[in-house]
Amino acid sequence: MKQSDQYLKIVEWSDEDSCYVGTCPGLMYGGIHGKDEVKVYRELCQAVEEVIKLYKEDKKPLPPPTSKEGYSGKFVLRVSPDLHKTLALRALQTEESLNNYCQNILKAAVFPPAKKR
């Protein structure tokens, strides 16, 4: 396995840029742009190899790997007391726990329903 295989590489369509954008979060800033998804992925893989090479040349430690990251399903989110109060009240109004209410809000923000045509 190559060292670059330890880093998650993402290629996704960007409506804002009207092209595919390839990124490697946690290892490099910026991304690779292009109209061909496969070509963007190839160029991203090459860029990741080059970034790793630069880390080694500069004798800097590589960031932690991201490709096999485990997620527990738990994280702590700090919010202002006013937002906490508003969320808690809205959860009560919808007869949901604060946890379920916030989870549903996050899901809707990250996975918005498909637009009807």
N, C-alpha and C. Protein backbone atom coordinates (compact mmCIF):
# COMPACT_ATOMS: atom_id res chain seq x y z
N MET A 1 0.84 -1.17 0.00
CA MET A 1 0.00 0.00 0.00
C MET A 1 0.89 1.24 0.00
N LYS A 2 0.54 2.19 -0.86
CA LYS A 2 1.27 3.45 -0.91
C LYS A 2 0.82 4.34 0.26
N GLN A 3 1.71 5.21 0.69
CA GLN A 3 1.39 6.10 1.79
C GLN A 3 0.20 7.00 1.43
N SER A 4 0.08 7.36 0.17
CA SER A 4 -1.03 8.22 -0.26
C SER A 4 -2.39 7.54 -0.12
N ASP A 5 -2.39 6.20 -0.07
CA ASP A 5 -3.65 5.47 0.09
C ASP A 5 -4.26 5.69 1.47
N GLN A 6 -3.49 6.24 2.38
CA GLN A 6 -3.98 6.48 3.73
C GLN A 6 -4.80 7.77 3.84
N TYR A 7 -4.89 8.52 2.73
CA TYR A 7 -5.58 9.80 2.75
C TYR A 7 -6.81 9.77 1.85
N LEU A 8 -7.92 10.22 2.41
CA LEU A 8 -9.19 10.27 1.70
C LEU A 8 -9.11 11.29 0.57
N LYS A 9 -9.53 10.86 -0.60
CA LYS A 9 -9.57 11.75 -1.77
C LYS A 9 -11.02 11.86 -2.21
N ILE A 10 -11.50 13.08 -2.36
CA ILE A 10 -12.90 13.32 -2.69
C ILE A 10 -12.98 14.09 -4.00
N VAL A 11 -13.81 13.59 -4.93
CA VAL A 11 -14.10 14.32 -6.16
C VAL A 11 -15.60 14.48 -6.21
N GLU A 12 -16.05 15.73 -6.31
CA GLU A 12 -17.49 15.98 -6.37
C GLU A 12 -17.78 17.14 -7.31
N TRP A 13 -18.99 17.17 -7.82
CA TRP A 13 -19.42 18.23 -8.72
C TRP A 13 -19.68 19.49 -7.91
N SER A 14 -19.23 20.63 -8.44
CA SER A 14 -19.48 21.92 -7.81
C SER A 14 -20.37 22.75 -8.73
N ASP A 15 -21.60 23.01 -8.29
CA ASP A 15 -22.48 23.88 -9.07
C ASP A 15 -21.89 25.29 -9.15
N GLU A 16 -21.26 25.71 -8.07
CA GLU A 16 -20.67 27.05 -8.02
C GLU A 16 -19.58 27.22 -9.07
N ASP A 17 -18.74 26.20 -9.22
CA ASP A 17 -17.62 26.27 -10.17
C ASP A 17 -17.96 25.68 -11.53
N SER A 18 -19.08 25.00 -11.63
CA SER A 18 -19.50 24.30 -12.87
C SER A 18 -18.44 23.32 -13.35
N CYS A 19 -17.87 22.59 -12.40
CA CYS A 19 -16.88 21.57 -12.75
C CYS A 19 -16.71 20.64 -11.56
N TYR A 20 -15.92 19.58 -11.77
CA TYR A 20 -15.58 18.69 -10.67
C TYR A 20 -14.44 19.30 -9.87
N VAL A 21 -14.49 19.08 -8.55
CA VAL A 21 -13.44 19.57 -7.67
C VAL A 21 -12.94 18.38 -6.85
N GLY A 22 -11.64 18.18 -6.87
CA GLY A 22 -11.03 17.11 -6.10
C GLY A 22 -10.26 17.68 -4.92
N THR A 23 -10.49 17.12 -3.74
CA THR A 23 -9.81 17.60 -2.54
C THR A 23 -9.28 16.42 -1.72
N CYS A 24 -8.34 16.72 -0.86
CA CYS A 24 -7.80 15.74 0.08
C CYS A 24 -7.74 16.41 1.45
N PRO A 25 -8.90 16.45 2.13
CA PRO A 25 -8.95 17.15 3.41
C PRO A 25 -8.00 16.56 4.44
N GLY A 26 -7.38 17.45 5.19
CA GLY A 26 -6.45 17.00 6.22
C GLY A 26 -5.02 16.92 5.74
N LEU A 27 -4.82 16.87 4.42
CA LEU A 27 -3.45 16.77 3.90
C LEU A 27 -3.06 18.01 3.11
N MET A 28 -3.96 18.48 2.24
CA MET A 28 -3.61 19.62 1.39
C MET A 28 -4.77 20.59 1.29
N TYR A 29 -4.44 21.85 1.14
CA TYR A 29 -5.43 22.90 0.96
C TYR A 29 -5.68 23.08 -0.53
N GLY A 30 -6.83 23.61 -0.86
CA GLY A 30 -7.14 23.80 -2.27
C GLY A 30 -7.58 22.51 -2.91
N GLY A 31 -7.66 22.53 -4.22
CA GLY A 31 -8.12 21.34 -4.89
C GLY A 31 -7.79 21.35 -6.37
N ILE A 32 -8.21 20.30 -7.03
CA ILE A 32 -8.01 20.12 -8.46
C ILE A 32 -9.37 20.34 -9.12
N HIS A 33 -9.41 21.11 -10.18
CA HIS A 33 -10.66 21.42 -10.87
C HIS A 33 -10.62 20.89 -12.30
N GLY A 34 -11.77 20.47 -12.82
CA GLY A 34 -11.83 20.05 -14.20
C GLY A 34 -13.21 19.54 -14.60
N LYS A 35 -13.42 19.39 -15.88
CA LYS A 35 -14.71 18.93 -16.42
C LYS A 35 -14.83 17.42 -16.44
N ASP A 36 -13.70 16.71 -16.40
CA ASP A 36 -13.68 15.24 -16.47
C ASP A 36 -13.40 14.67 -15.08
N GLU A 37 -14.38 13.97 -14.52
CA GLU A 37 -14.28 13.45 -13.16
C GLU A 37 -13.08 12.52 -12.98
N VAL A 38 -12.86 11.63 -13.93
CA VAL A 38 -11.77 10.67 -13.83
C VAL A 38 -10.42 11.38 -13.91
N LYS A 39 -10.31 12.35 -14.80
CA LYS A 39 -9.06 13.10 -14.94
C LYS A 39 -8.77 13.89 -13.65
N VAL A 40 -9.80 14.48 -13.05
CA VAL A 40 -9.62 15.21 -11.81
C VAL A 40 -9.11 14.26 -10.72
N TYR A 41 -9.68 13.05 -10.65
CA TYR A 41 -9.23 12.09 -9.64
C TYR A 41 -7.77 11.71 -9.87
N ARG A 42 -7.40 11.45 -11.11
CA ARG A 42 -5.99 11.10 -11.41
C ARG A 42 -5.05 12.22 -10.99
N GLU A 43 -5.43 13.46 -11.35
CA GLU A 43 -4.59 14.61 -11.01
C GLU A 43 -4.53 14.82 -9.49
N LEU A 44 -5.64 14.55 -8.81
CA LEU A 44 -5.67 14.65 -7.35
C LEU A 44 -4.72 13.63 -6.73
N CYS A 45 -4.75 12.41 -7.21
CA CYS A 45 -3.84 11.36 -6.70
C CYS A 45 -2.39 11.77 -6.89
N GLN A 46 -2.10 12.35 -8.04
CA GLN A 46 -0.74 12.80 -8.33
C GLN A 46 -0.36 13.95 -7.39
N ALA A 47 -1.28 14.88 -7.16
CA ALA A 47 -1.01 16.02 -6.27
C ALA A 47 -0.75 15.53 -4.85
N VAL A 48 -1.51 14.54 -4.40
CA VAL A 48 -1.33 13.98 -3.06
C VAL A 48 0.06 13.37 -2.93
N GLU A 49 0.48 12.62 -3.95
CA GLU A 49 1.84 12.05 -3.95
C GLU A 49 2.89 13.16 -3.84
N GLU A 50 2.69 14.26 -4.56
CA GLU A 50 3.64 15.37 -4.54
C GLU A 50 3.67 16.06 -3.18
N VAL A 51 2.50 16.22 -2.55
CA VAL A 51 2.45 16.85 -1.23
C VAL A 51 3.18 15.98 -0.21
N ILE A 52 2.96 14.68 -0.27
CA ILE A 52 3.65 13.76 0.65
C ILE A 52 5.16 13.85 0.45
N LYS A 53 5.57 13.93 -0.79
CA LYS A 53 7.00 14.05 -1.11
C LYS A 53 7.57 15.34 -0.50
N LEU A 54 6.81 16.44 -0.58
CA LEU A 54 7.27 17.71 -0.01
C LEU A 54 7.37 17.64 1.52
N TYR A 55 6.41 16.99 2.14
CA TYR A 55 6.48 16.80 3.59
C TYR A 55 7.78 16.07 3.95
N LYS A 56 8.08 15.01 3.20
CA LYS A 56 9.28 14.22 3.50
C LYS A 56 10.55 15.02 3.25
N GLU A 57 10.59 15.77 2.14
CA GLU A 57 11.77 16.59 1.83
C GLU A 57 12.01 17.63 2.91
N ASP A 58 10.92 18.20 3.45
CA ASP A 58 11.04 19.21 4.49
C ASP A 58 11.18 18.60 5.89
N LYS A 59 11.21 17.26 5.93
CA LYS A 59 11.33 16.52 7.19
C LYS A 59 10.23 16.92 8.19
N LYS A 60 9.03 17.13 7.66
CA LYS A 60 7.86 17.45 8.49
C LYS A 60 7.03 16.19 8.66
N PRO A 61 6.43 16.01 9.84
CA PRO A 61 5.57 14.83 10.02
C PRO A 61 4.28 14.98 9.21
N LEU A 62 3.85 13.89 8.63
CA LEU A 62 2.61 13.90 7.86
C LEU A 62 1.42 14.01 8.81
N PRO A 63 0.34 14.67 8.34
CA PRO A 63 -0.88 14.70 9.16
C PRO A 63 -1.42 13.28 9.35
N PRO A 64 -2.26 13.08 10.36
CA PRO A 64 -2.82 11.75 10.57
C PRO A 64 -3.61 11.27 9.36
N PRO A 65 -3.57 9.97 9.07
CA PRO A 65 -4.33 9.42 7.94
C PRO A 65 -5.83 9.69 8.09
N THR A 66 -6.52 9.79 6.96
CA THR A 66 -7.95 10.08 6.98
C THR A 66 -8.80 9.02 6.29
N SER A 67 -8.19 8.09 5.57
CA SER A 67 -8.98 7.16 4.76
C SER A 67 -9.73 6.12 5.58
N LYS A 68 -9.23 5.77 6.74
CA LYS A 68 -9.89 4.74 7.55
C LYS A 68 -10.35 5.32 8.88
N GLU A 69 -10.67 6.60 8.84
CA GLU A 69 -11.13 7.30 10.03
C GLU A 69 -12.38 6.62 10.57
N GLY A 70 -12.40 6.38 11.85
CA GLY A 70 -13.58 5.80 12.48
C GLY A 70 -14.41 6.91 13.12
N TYR A 71 -15.71 6.79 13.03
CA TYR A 71 -16.59 7.80 13.60
C TYR A 71 -17.54 7.13 14.58
N SER A 72 -17.60 7.67 15.79
CA SER A 72 -18.41 7.07 16.85
C SER A 72 -19.88 7.47 16.75
N GLY A 73 -20.17 8.55 16.02
CA GLY A 73 -21.54 9.05 15.99
C GLY A 73 -21.79 10.07 17.09
N LYS A 74 -20.72 10.44 17.81
CA LYS A 74 -20.85 11.42 18.88
C LYS A 74 -19.83 12.53 18.66
N PHE A 75 -20.26 13.77 18.92
CA PHE A 75 -19.33 14.88 18.95
C PHE A 75 -19.93 15.98 19.81
N VAL A 76 -19.08 16.86 20.31
CA VAL A 76 -19.52 17.94 21.17
C VAL A 76 -19.57 19.21 20.33
N LEU A 77 -20.67 19.91 20.42
CA LEU A 77 -20.84 21.16 19.69
C LEU A 77 -21.13 22.27 20.69
N ARG A 78 -20.30 23.28 20.72
CA ARG A 78 -20.52 24.39 21.64
C ARG A 78 -21.29 25.49 20.91
N VAL A 79 -22.36 25.95 21.54
CA VAL A 79 -23.19 27.01 20.98
C VAL A 79 -23.42 28.07 22.06
N SER A 80 -23.92 29.21 21.65
CA SER A 80 -24.22 30.27 22.62
C SER A 80 -25.39 29.84 23.50
N PRO A 81 -25.49 30.39 24.69
CA PRO A 81 -26.64 30.07 25.55
C PRO A 81 -27.98 30.40 24.90
N ASP A 82 -28.03 31.49 24.14
CA ASP A 82 -29.29 31.85 23.47
C ASP A 82 -29.69 30.82 22.43
N LEU A 83 -28.73 30.34 21.65
CA LEU A 83 -29.04 29.31 20.66
C LEU A 83 -29.45 28.02 21.35
N HIS A 84 -28.77 27.66 22.41
CA HIS A 84 -29.10 26.46 23.17
C HIS A 84 -30.56 26.53 23.65
N LYS A 85 -30.92 27.67 24.20
CA LYS A 85 -32.28 27.86 24.70
C LYS A 85 -33.30 27.73 23.56
N THR A 86 -33.03 28.40 22.44
CA THR A 86 -33.95 28.35 21.29
C THR A 86 -34.11 26.93 20.78
N LEU A 87 -33.02 26.22 20.65
CA LEU A 87 -33.09 24.84 20.17
C LEU A 87 -33.87 23.96 21.14
N ALA A 88 -33.61 24.13 22.43
CA ALA A 88 -34.30 23.33 23.44
C ALA A 88 -35.81 23.60 23.41
N LEU A 89 -36.18 24.87 23.26
CA LEU A 89 -37.60 25.22 23.21
C LEU A 89 -38.28 24.67 21.95
N ARG A 90 -37.60 24.77 20.83
CA ARG A 90 -38.17 24.23 19.59
C ARG A 90 -38.30 22.71 19.66
N ALA A 91 -37.34 22.06 20.29
CA ALA A 91 -37.42 20.61 20.46
C ALA A 91 -38.63 20.25 21.31
N LEU A 92 -38.87 21.02 22.35
CA LEU A 92 -40.05 20.79 23.19
C LEU A 92 -41.34 20.98 22.38
N GLN A 93 -41.36 22.02 21.55
CA GLN A 93 -42.55 22.31 20.76
C GLN A 93 -42.87 21.19 19.77
N THR A 94 -41.83 20.53 19.28
CA THR A 94 -42.03 19.44 18.31
C THR A 94 -42.09 18.08 18.99
N GLU A 95 -42.03 18.11 20.32
CA GLU A 95 -42.08 16.88 21.13
C GLU A 95 -40.96 15.90 20.77
N GLU A 96 -39.79 16.46 20.55
CA GLU A 96 -38.59 15.66 20.26
C GLU A 96 -37.57 15.94 21.35
N SER A 97 -36.63 15.02 21.48
CA SER A 97 -35.49 15.31 22.36
C SER A 97 -34.63 16.36 21.66
N LEU A 98 -33.85 17.07 22.44
CA LEU A 98 -32.94 18.06 21.86
C LEU A 98 -31.99 17.38 20.87
N ASN A 99 -31.52 16.20 21.23
CA ASN A 99 -30.61 15.46 20.36
C ASN A 99 -31.27 15.16 19.01
N ASN A 100 -32.48 14.60 19.02
CA ASN A 100 -33.16 14.27 17.75
C ASN A 100 -33.47 15.51 16.94
N TYR A 101 -33.90 16.57 17.62
CA TYR A 101 -34.22 17.82 16.92
C TYR A 101 -32.98 18.35 16.20
N CYS A 102 -31.85 18.43 16.89
CA CYS A 102 -30.61 18.92 16.28
C CYS A 102 -30.13 17.99 15.17
N GLN A 103 -30.26 16.69 15.38
CA GLN A 103 -29.86 15.73 14.35
C GLN A 103 -30.68 15.94 13.08
N ASN A 104 -31.98 16.15 13.22
CA ASN A 104 -32.84 16.37 12.05
C ASN A 104 -32.50 17.67 11.33
N ILE A 105 -32.16 18.71 12.09
CA ILE A 105 -31.75 19.98 11.47
C ILE A 105 -30.45 19.78 10.69
N LEU A 106 -29.50 19.09 11.29
CA LEU A 106 -28.22 18.85 10.60
C LEU A 106 -28.42 18.01 9.34
N LYS A 107 -29.24 16.97 9.43
CA LYS A 107 -29.51 16.13 8.25
C LYS A 107 -30.10 16.96 7.13
N ALA A 108 -31.07 17.81 7.46
CA ALA A 108 -31.72 18.63 6.43
C ALA A 108 -30.74 19.61 5.80
N ALA A 109 -29.79 20.10 6.60
CA ALA A 109 -28.81 21.04 6.06
C ALA A 109 -27.78 20.35 5.18
N VAL A 110 -27.38 19.15 5.56
CA VAL A 110 -26.35 18.43 4.81
C VAL A 110 -26.92 17.65 3.63
N PHE A 111 -28.13 17.11 3.82
CA PHE A 111 -28.78 16.31 2.78
C PHE A 111 -30.14 16.93 2.45
N PRO A 112 -30.14 18.10 1.79
CA PRO A 112 -31.43 18.72 1.50
C PRO A 112 -32.25 17.84 0.56
N PRO A 113 -33.59 17.89 0.69
CA PRO A 113 -34.41 17.09 -0.20
C PRO A 113 -34.21 17.54 -1.65
N ALA A 114 -34.31 16.57 -2.56
CA ALA A 114 -34.15 16.89 -3.99
C ALA A 114 -35.24 17.84 -4.43
N LYS A 115 -34.86 18.78 -5.29
CA LYS A 115 -35.84 19.74 -5.80
C LYS A 115 -36.76 19.06 -6.80
N LYS A 116 -38.04 19.40 -6.73
CA LYS A 116 -39.02 18.84 -7.67
C LYS A 116 -38.92 19.60 -8.97
N ARG A 117 -39.07 18.88 -10.05
CA ARG A 117 -38.99 19.51 -11.38
C ARG A 117 -40.34 19.85 -11.89
